Amino acid sequence: MTSIPFGKQDIPMNIATLTGLEIMQAFAAGKLPRPPISETMPMDPDLVEEGRVAFLATADERHTNPLGGVHGGFAATVLDSVTGCATHTVLEAGESYGTTDLNIKMCRPLPFNKTLRAEGRVINAGRNLVITEGRIEDEDGRLYAHATATCMVIRQG
């Protein structure tokens, strides 16, 4: 068994033998430590399935921009996370990915201290590129931000 460095922690398992979906399911089930970014930008998994993930995300005062609202980087980070994690769910064992393009449209200001649902889904999964879209919505389905992303599949060896 190999220890994988993960922030300040080590993961005592060989995640290289797991598919991307299995890794994402392990994160969601608490079997792997949360990525440190989910502490900086509060995100909790709500759904993980092949080609689709959803997180519950809540901006707070740590995410304030100079004008006193939620910084657009909060939405950008959450959308990068859900589009990337959706990509992760379609990868084979030993594969990883890198985001090559992230296009975001802000539709309305994000509120403070209100939990929103961010969902990412795969639109097209090719051999080398995966195209995804992401949305941040409230409980009434109001759209706050939308993104499309392209991720490059990285194979070891």
Protein backbone atom coordinates (compact mmCIF):
# COMPACT_ATOMS: atom_id res chain seq x y z
CA MET A 1 0.00 0.00 0.00
CA THR A 2 1.34 3.42 -0.96
CA SER A 3 0.93 6.62 1.01
CA ILE A 4 -0.21 9.49 -1.22
CA PRO A 5 0.68 13.05 -0.09
CA PHE A 6 -2.48 15.16 0.25
CA GLY A 7 -1.97 18.62 1.68
CA LYS A 8 -0.72 18.12 5.23
CA GLN A 9 -2.08 14.57 5.32
CA ASP A 10 -1.08 11.30 3.71
CA ILE A 11 -3.67 9.01 2.19
CA PRO A 12 -2.83 5.42 3.23
CA MET A 13 -4.14 3.74 0.10
CA ASN A 14 -3.10 3.32 -3.47
CA ILE A 15 -5.62 5.54 -5.21
CA ALA A 16 -3.91 4.80 -8.52
CA THR A 17 -5.83 1.49 -8.54
CA LEU A 18 -9.21 3.24 -8.19
CA THR A 19 -11.29 4.72 -11.00
CA GLY A 20 -12.11 8.41 -10.83
CA LEU A 21 -15.67 7.56 -9.83
CA GLU A 22 -14.44 5.32 -6.98
CA ILE A 23 -12.14 8.11 -5.74
CA MET A 24 -14.95 10.67 -5.81
CA GLN A 25 -17.30 8.26 -4.04
CA ALA A 26 -14.64 7.66 -1.35
CA PHE A 27 -14.29 11.42 -0.80
CA ALA A 28 -18.07 11.81 -0.55
CA ALA A 29 -18.30 8.93 1.94
CA GLY A 30 -15.52 10.35 4.13
CA LYS A 31 -13.16 7.45 3.38
CA LEU A 32 -10.58 9.89 2.00
CA PRO A 33 -9.74 13.23 3.60
CA ARG A 34 -11.47 16.33 2.27
CA PRO A 35 -9.42 18.39 -0.14
CA PRO A 36 -8.09 21.49 1.67
CA ILE A 37 -9.87 23.80 -0.81
CA SER A 38 -13.20 22.60 0.60
CA GLU A 39 -12.26 24.23 3.90
CA THR A 40 -11.26 27.53 2.27
CA MET A 41 -14.35 27.51 0.06
CA PRO A 42 -16.93 25.59 2.12
CA MET A 43 -18.15 22.77 -0.13
CA ASP A 44 -19.72 19.46 0.86
CA PRO A 45 -20.55 16.63 -1.55
CA ASP A 46 -24.26 16.14 -2.16
CA LEU A 47 -24.21 13.79 -5.16
CA VAL A 48 -21.59 11.68 -6.93
CA GLU A 49 -22.44 9.53 -9.92
CA GLU A 50 -20.81 8.79 -13.24
CA GLY A 51 -20.60 12.03 -15.20
CA ARG A 52 -22.26 14.15 -12.53
CA VAL A 53 -21.47 15.65 -9.12
CA ALA A 54 -23.14 18.20 -6.87
CA PHE A 55 -21.74 20.11 -3.90
CA LEU A 56 -23.45 22.29 -1.34
CA ALA A 57 -21.47 25.53 -1.06
CA THR A 58 -21.79 28.45 1.33
CA ALA A 59 -19.96 31.77 0.98
CA ASP A 60 -19.23 33.63 4.20
CA GLU A 61 -17.48 36.83 5.23
CA ARG A 62 -14.06 35.35 4.42
CA HIS A 63 -15.09 35.59 0.77
CA THR A 64 -15.88 39.33 0.74
CA ASN A 65 -14.67 41.47 -2.18
CA PRO A 66 -13.57 45.13 -1.83
CA LEU A 67 -17.15 46.30 -2.52
CA GLY A 68 -18.59 44.20 0.32
CA GLY A 69 -20.16 41.39 -1.74
CA VAL A 70 -19.15 37.78 -2.32
CA HIS A 71 -15.99 37.74 -4.43
CA GLY A 72 -16.48 36.26 -7.91
CA GLY A 73 -13.57 33.95 -7.18
CA PHE A 74 -15.81 32.01 -4.83
CA ALA A 75 -18.18 31.09 -7.67
CA ALA A 76 -15.24 30.48 -10.00
CA THR A 77 -13.60 28.09 -7.55
CA VAL A 78 -16.82 26.21 -6.83
CA LEU A 79 -17.58 25.88 -10.56
CA ASP A 80 -14.01 24.76 -11.31
CA SER A 81 -14.43 22.16 -8.57
CA VAL A 82 -17.73 20.70 -9.77
CA THR A 83 -16.74 20.67 -13.44
CA GLY A 84 -13.39 19.08 -12.59
CA CYS A 85 -14.93 16.53 -10.24
CA ALA A 86 -17.54 15.61 -12.86
CA THR A 87 -14.61 14.98 -15.20
CA HIS A 88 -12.94 12.89 -12.50
CA THR A 89 -15.94 10.53 -12.39
CA VAL A 90 -15.35 9.36 -15.97
CA LEU A 91 -11.61 8.64 -15.65
CA GLU A 92 -10.06 5.20 -15.59
CA ALA A 93 -7.73 4.07 -12.82
CA GLY A 94 -4.38 5.84 -13.05
CA GLU A 95 -5.72 8.76 -15.11
CA SER A 96 -5.89 12.34 -13.95
CA TYR A 97 -6.91 15.60 -15.58
CA GLY A 98 -6.07 19.26 -15.87
CA THR A 99 -8.48 22.08 -16.64
CA THR A 100 -7.49 23.74 -19.92
CA ASP A 101 -10.40 26.16 -20.21
CA LEU A 102 -12.96 27.51 -17.74
CA ASN A 103 -15.59 30.00 -18.93
CA ILE A 104 -17.84 31.52 -16.27
CA LYS A 105 -20.93 33.68 -16.50
CA MET A 106 -22.12 35.39 -13.32
CA CYS A 107 -25.91 35.78 -13.40
CA ARG A 108 -26.57 37.44 -10.02
CA PRO A 109 -24.59 38.21 -6.86
CA LEU A 110 -24.02 35.24 -4.57
CA PRO A 111 -25.47 35.71 -1.08
CA PHE A 112 -23.55 35.38 2.16
CA ASN A 113 -24.32 32.50 4.53
CA LYS A 114 -26.84 30.83 2.25
CA THR A 115 -26.19 27.29 1.09
CA LEU A 116 -26.36 26.97 -2.69
CA ARG A 117 -26.18 23.83 -4.82
CA ALA A 118 -23.43 23.59 -7.40
CA GLU A 119 -23.73 20.84 -9.98
CA GLY A 120 -21.29 19.74 -12.62
CA ARG A 121 -22.00 17.30 -15.42
CA VAL A 122 -20.09 15.84 -18.33
CA ILE A 123 -21.36 16.96 -21.73
CA ASN A 124 -18.83 14.97 -23.78
CA ALA A 125 -16.08 12.57 -22.77
CA GLY A 126 -13.52 11.86 -25.47
CA ARG A 127 -10.23 10.03 -25.27
CA ASN A 128 -8.19 13.17 -24.56
CA LEU A 129 -10.68 15.90 -23.64
CA VAL A 130 -13.71 16.02 -21.38
CA ILE A 131 -16.19 18.88 -21.74
CA THR A 132 -18.38 19.75 -18.76
CA GLU A 133 -20.82 22.36 -17.58
CA GLY A 134 -21.56 23.64 -14.08
CA ARG A 135 -24.33 25.60 -12.41
CA ILE A 136 -24.80 27.28 -9.04
CA GLU A 137 -28.47 27.51 -8.05
CA ASP A 138 -30.56 28.15 -4.97
CA GLU A 139 -33.32 25.91 -3.63
CA ASP A 140 -35.84 27.57 -5.98
CA GLY A 141 -33.73 26.86 -9.06
CA ARG A 142 -32.55 30.48 -9.52
CA LEU A 143 -29.28 30.50 -11.44
CA TYR A 144 -26.41 32.44 -9.83
CA ALA A 145 -23.52 31.36 -12.08
CA HIS A 146 -22.89 29.04 -15.02
CA ALA A 147 -19.67 27.60 -16.42
CA THR A 148 -18.33 25.42 -19.16
CA ALA A 149 -14.97 23.73 -18.85
CA THR A 150 -12.65 21.60 -20.91
CA CYS A 151 -10.32 19.19 -19.16
CA MET A 152 -7.37 17.33 -20.66
CA VAL A 153 -7.03 13.68 -19.68
CA ILE A 154 -3.54 12.89 -18.33
CA ARG A 155 -2.26 9.33 -18.50
CA GLN A 156 0.77 8.07 -16.62
CA GLY A 157 3.54 6.39 -18.55
